[in-house]
PDB file of all heavy atoms in Angstrom:
ATOM      1  N   ASN A   1     106.371  97.923  97.410  1.00  0.00           N
ATOM      2  CA  ASN A   1     106.780  96.664  96.630  1.00  0.00           C
ATOM      3  C   ASN A   1     108.272  96.574  96.584  1.00  0.00           C
ATOM      4  O   ASN A   1     108.986  97.494  96.552  1.00  0.00           O
ATOM      5  CB  ASN A   1     106.130  96.742  95.210  1.00  0.00           C
ATOM      6  CG  ASN A   1     104.720  96.681  95.155  1.00  0.00           C
ATOM      7  OD1 ASN A   1     104.092  96.157  96.100  1.00  0.00           O
ATOM      8  ND2 ASN A   1     104.067  97.256  94.147  1.00  0.00           N
ATOM      9  N   GLY A   2     108.691  95.216  96.621  1.00  0.00           N
ATOM     10  CA  GLY A   2     110.087  94.957  96.516  1.00  0.00           C
ATOM     11  C   GLY A   2     110.542  95.251  95.089  1.00  0.00           C
ATOM     12  O   GLY A   2     109.833  95.495  94.157  1.00  0.00           O
ATOM     13  N   ALA A   3     111.925  95.190  94.914  1.00  0.00           N
ATOM     14  CA  ALA A   3     112.552  95.426  93.564  1.00  0.00           C
ATOM     15  C   ALA A   3     113.610  94.516  93.264  1.00  0.00           C
ATOM     16  O   ALA A   3     114.199  93.963  94.138  1.00  0.00           O
ATOM     17  CB  ALA A   3     113.062  96.906  93.546  1.00  0.00           C
ATOM     18  N   GLY A   4     113.810  94.298  91.943  1.00  0.00           N
ATOM     19  CA  GLY A   4     114.854  93.361  91.481  1.00  0.00           C
ATOM     20  C   GLY A   4     116.201  94.066  91.354  1.00  0.00           C
ATOM     21  O   GLY A   4     116.262  95.290  91.182  1.00  0.00           O
ATOM     22  N   THR A   5     117.310  93.297  91.512  1.00  0.00           N
ATOM     23  CA  THR A   5     118.585  93.805  91.455  1.00  0.00           C
ATOM     24  C   THR A   5     119.527  92.785  90.605  1.00  0.00           C
ATOM     25  O   THR A   5     119.371  91.538  90.952  1.00  0.00           O
ATOM     26  CB  THR A   5     119.321  94.016  92.829  1.00  0.00           C
ATOM     27  OG1 THR A   5     118.498  94.942  93.601  1.00  0.00           O
ATOM     28  CG2 THR A   5     120.774  94.515  92.723  1.00  0.00           C
ATOM     29  N   ALA A   6     120.350  93.247  89.704  1.00  0.00           N
ATOM     30  CA  ALA A   6     121.151  92.345  88.985  1.00  0.00           C
ATOM     31  C   ALA A   6     122.105  91.661  89.959  1.00  0.00           C
ATOM     32  O   ALA A   6     122.460  92.140  91.006  1.00  0.00           O
ATOM     33  CB  ALA A   6     122.020  93.124  88.009  1.00  0.00           C
ATOM     34  N   TYR A   7     122.433  90.303  89.581  1.00  0.00           N
ATOM     35  CA  TYR A   7     123.404  89.563  90.475  1.00  0.00           C
ATOM     36  C   TYR A   7     124.665  90.342  90.596  1.00  0.00           C
ATOM     37  O   TYR A   7     125.253  90.736  89.567  1.00  0.00           O
ATOM     38  CB  TYR A   7     123.642  88.233  89.815  1.00  0.00           C
ATOM     39  CG  TYR A   7     122.417  87.433  89.662  1.00  0.00           C
ATOM     40  CD1 TYR A   7     122.188  86.624  88.438  1.00  0.00           C
ATOM     41  CD2 TYR A   7     121.437  87.266  90.700  1.00  0.00           C
ATOM     42  CE1 TYR A   7     121.071  85.875  88.332  1.00  0.00           C
ATOM     43  CE2 TYR A   7     120.298  86.464  90.498  1.00  0.00           C
ATOM     44  CZ  TYR A   7     120.116  85.734  89.281  1.00  0.00           C
ATOM     45  OH  TYR A   7     119.116  84.949  89.209  1.00  0.00           O
ATOM     46  N   ALA A   8     125.120  90.477  91.854  1.00  0.00           N
ATOM     47  CA  ALA A   8     126.379  91.287  92.124  1.00  0.00           C
ATOM     48  C   ALA A   8     126.761  90.987  93.552  1.00  0.00           C
ATOM     49  O   ALA A   8     125.994  90.517  94.369  1.00  0.00           O
ATOM     50  CB  ALA A   8     126.113  92.708  91.892  1.00  0.00           C
ATOM     51  N   ALA A   9     128.029  91.474  93.818  1.00  0.00           N
ATOM     52  CA  ALA A   9     128.529  91.396  95.188  1.00  0.00           C
ATOM     53  C   ALA A   9     128.065  92.662  95.894  1.00  0.00           C
ATOM     54  O   ALA A   9     128.759  93.729  95.907  1.00  0.00           O
ATOM     55  CB  ALA A   9     130.063  91.229  95.183  1.00  0.00           C
ATOM     56  N   SER A  10     126.806  92.644  96.364  1.00  0.00           N
ATOM     57  CA  SER A  10     126.219  93.841  97.010  1.00  0.00           C
ATOM     58  C   SER A  10     125.032  93.542  97.794  1.00  0.00           C
ATOM     59  O   SER A  10     124.604  92.358  97.828  1.00  0.00           O
ATOM     60  CB  SER A  10     125.761  94.838  95.840  1.00  0.00           C
ATOM     61  OG  SER A  10     124.766  94.295  95.072  1.00  0.00           O
ATOM     62  N   VAL A  11     124.512  94.542  98.569  1.00  0.00           N
ATOM     63  CA  VAL A  11     123.234  94.333  99.280  1.00  0.00           C
ATOM     64  C   VAL A  11     122.286  95.448  98.815  1.00  0.00           C
ATOM     65  O   VAL A  11     122.755  96.601  98.770  1.00  0.00           O
ATOM     66  CB  VAL A  11     123.583  94.519 100.817  1.00  0.00           C
ATOM     67  CG1 VAL A  11     122.308  94.488 101.649  1.00  0.00           C
ATOM     68  CG2 VAL A  11     124.615  93.530 101.273  1.00  0.00           C
ATOM     69  N   THR A  12     121.021  95.117  98.673  1.00  0.00           N
ATOM     70  CA  THR A  12     119.990  96.031  98.325  1.00  0.00           C
ATOM     71  C   THR A  12     118.903  96.034  99.443  1.00  0.00           C
ATOM     72  O   THR A  12     118.460  95.039  99.877  1.00  0.00           O
ATOM     73  CB  THR A  12     119.295  95.636  97.043  1.00  0.00           C
ATOM     74  OG1 THR A  12     120.322  95.564  95.989  1.00  0.00           O
ATOM     75  CG2 THR A  12     118.190  96.649  96.647  1.00  0.00           C
ATOM     76  N   ALA A  13     118.715  97.210 100.047  1.00  0.00           N
ATOM     77  CA  ALA A  13     117.765  97.347 101.156  1.00  0.00           C
ATOM     78  C   ALA A  13     116.307  96.903 100.621  1.00  0.00           C
ATOM     79  O   ALA A  13     115.903  97.123  99.563  1.00  0.00           O
ATOM     80  CB  ALA A  13     117.725  98.751 101.730  1.00  0.00           C
ATOM     81  N   GLY A  14     115.578  96.258 101.607  1.00  0.00           N
ATOM     82  CA  GLY A  14     114.212  95.857 101.314  1.00  0.00           C
ATOM     83  C   GLY A  14     113.329  96.969 101.221  1.00  0.00           C
ATOM     84  O   GLY A  14     113.664  98.149 101.595  1.00  0.00           O
ATOM     85  N   ALA A  15     112.077  96.746 100.766  1.00  0.00           N
ATOM     86  CA  ALA A  15     111.024  97.700 100.554  1.00  0.00           C
ATOM     87  C   ALA A  15     110.557  98.232 101.964  1.00  0.00           C
ATOM     88  O   ALA A  15     110.497  97.502 102.949  1.00  0.00           O
ATOM     89  CB  ALA A  15     109.857  97.160  99.841  1.00  0.00           C
ATOM     90  N   ALA A  16     110.209  99.487 102.028  1.00  0.00           N
ATOM     91  CA  ALA A  16     109.714 100.158 103.242  1.00  0.00           C
ATOM     92  C   ALA A  16     108.412  99.673 103.696  1.00  0.00           C
ATOM     93  O   ALA A  16     107.532  99.323 102.843  1.00  0.00           O
ATOM     94  CB  ALA A  16     109.728 101.709 103.037  1.00  0.00           C
ATOM     95  N   GLY A  17     108.121  99.648 104.992  1.00  0.00           N
ATOM     96  CA  GLY A  17     106.875  99.402 105.586  1.00  0.00           C
ATOM     97  C   GLY A  17     105.924 100.549 105.405  1.00  0.00           C
ATOM     98  O   GLY A  17     106.304 101.626 105.107  1.00  0.00           O
ATOM     99  N   GLY A  18     104.566 100.208 105.462  1.00  0.00           N
ATOM    100  CA  GLY A  18     103.607 101.278 105.385  1.00  0.00           C
ATOM    101  C   GLY A  18     103.634 102.267 106.575  1.00  0.00           C
ATOM    102  O   GLY A  18     104.172 101.965 107.591  1.00  0.00           O
ATOM    103  N   THR A  19     103.112 103.514 106.339  1.00  0.00           N
ATOM    104  CA  THR A  19     103.098 104.498 107.305  1.00  0.00           C
ATOM    105  C   THR A  19     101.687 104.463 108.041  1.00  0.00           C
ATOM    106  O   THR A  19     100.723 104.192 107.427  1.00  0.00           O
ATOM    107  CB  THR A  19     103.374 105.876 106.792  1.00  0.00           C
ATOM    108  OG1 THR A  19     102.450 106.192 105.800  1.00  0.00           O
ATOM    109  CG2 THR A  19     104.778 105.944 106.257  1.00  0.00           C
ATOM    110  N   ALA A  20     101.731 104.915 109.303  1.00  0.00           N
ATOM    111  CA  ALA A  20     100.528 104.875 110.127  1.00  0.00           C
ATOM    112  C   ALA A  20     100.240 106.280 110.620  1.00  0.00           C
ATOM    113  O   ALA A  20     101.158 106.921 111.184  1.00  0.00           O
ATOM    114  CB  ALA A  20     100.682 103.935 111.266  1.00  0.00           C
ATOM    115  N   THR A  21      98.981 106.758 110.507  1.00  0.00           N
ATOM    116  CA  THR A  21      98.636 108.096 110.985  1.00  0.00           C
ATOM    117  C   THR A  21      97.251 108.113 111.582  1.00  0.00           C
ATOM    118  O   THR A  21      96.443 107.232 111.306  1.00  0.00           O
ATOM    119  CB  THR A  21      98.626 109.109 109.849  1.00  0.00           C
ATOM    120  OG1 THR A  21      97.712 108.734 108.872  1.00  0.00           O
ATOM    121  CG2 THR A  21     100.021 109.239 109.213  1.00  0.00           C
ATOM    122  N   GLY A  22      97.015 109.036 112.622  1.00  0.00           N
ATOM    123  CA  GLY A  22      95.705 109.249 113.053  1.00  0.00           C
ATOM    124  C   GLY A  22      95.326 108.392 114.315  1.00  0.00           C
ATOM    125  O   GLY A  22      94.225 108.519 114.753  1.00  0.00           O
ATOM    126  N   GLY A  23      96.218 107.605 114.768  1.00  0.00           N
ATOM    127  CA  GLY A  23      95.920 106.708 115.879  1.00  0.00           C
ATOM    128  C   GLY A  23      96.449 107.130 117.207  1.00  0.00           C
ATOM    129  O   GLY A  23      97.324 108.075 117.294  1.00  0.00           O
ATOM    130  N   ASP A  24      96.059 106.520 118.263  1.00  0.00           N
ATOM    131  CA  ASP A  24      96.581 106.704 119.561  1.00  0.00           C
ATOM    132  C   ASP A  24      97.930 105.813 119.602  1.00  0.00           C
ATOM    133  O   ASP A  24      98.860 106.195 120.330  1.00  0.00           O
ATOM    134  CB  ASP A  24      95.715 106.163 120.692  1.00  0.00           C
ATOM    135  CG  ASP A  24      94.510 107.082 120.821  1.00  0.00           C
ATOM    136  OD1 ASP A  24      94.549 108.322 120.776  1.00  0.00           O
ATOM    137  OD2 ASP A  24      93.356 106.525 120.916  1.00  0.00           O
ATOM    138  N   VAL A  25      97.924 104.770 118.789  1.00  0.00           N
ATOM    139  CA  VAL A  25      99.135 103.966 118.563  1.00  0.00           C
ATOM    140  C   VAL A  25      99.376 103.865 117.071  1.00  0.00           C
ATOM    141  O   VAL A  25      98.421 103.486 116.325  1.00  0.00           O
ATOM    142  CB  VAL A  25      98.909 102.500 119.132  1.00  0.00           C
ATOM    143  CG1 VAL A  25     100.088 101.667 118.851  1.00  0.00           C
ATOM    144  CG2 VAL A  25      98.680 102.635 120.650  1.00  0.00           C
ATOM    145  N   ASN A  26     100.458 104.314 116.568  1.00  0.00           N
ATOM    146  CA  ASN A  26     100.807 104.191 115.176  1.00  0.00           C
ATOM    147  C   ASN A  26     102.085 103.394 114.940  1.00  0.00           C
ATOM    148  O   ASN A  26     103.180 103.793 115.503  1.00  0.00           O
ATOM    149  CB  ASN A  26     101.017 105.633 114.625  1.00  0.00           C
ATOM    150  CG  ASN A  26      99.828 106.496 114.708  1.00  0.00           C
ATOM    151  OD1 ASN A  26      98.835 106.205 114.148  1.00  0.00           O
ATOM    152  ND2 ASN A  26      99.860 107.577 115.462  1.00  0.00           N
ATOM    153  N   ILE A  27     101.966 102.326 114.234  1.00  0.00           N
ATOM    154  CA  ILE A  27     103.144 101.459 114.099  1.00  0.00           C
ATOM    155  C   ILE A  27     103.453 101.274 112.647  1.00  0.00           C
ATOM    156  O   ILE A  27     102.604 100.756 111.869  1.00  0.00           O
ATOM    157  CB  ILE A  27     102.765 100.038 114.629  1.00  0.00           C
ATOM    158  CG1 ILE A  27     102.452 100.089 116.199  1.00  0.00           C
ATOM    159  CG2 ILE A  27     104.106  99.077 114.512  1.00  0.00           C
ATOM    160  CD1 ILE A  27     101.935  98.847 116.731  1.00  0.00           C
TER     161      ILE A  27
END
């Protein structure tokens, strides 16, 4: 989930994507 940040002169990284396991292709 994303998160809130107070208004400021800054950058906040977005939420991480889900992890993939057990496949022949894992994205």
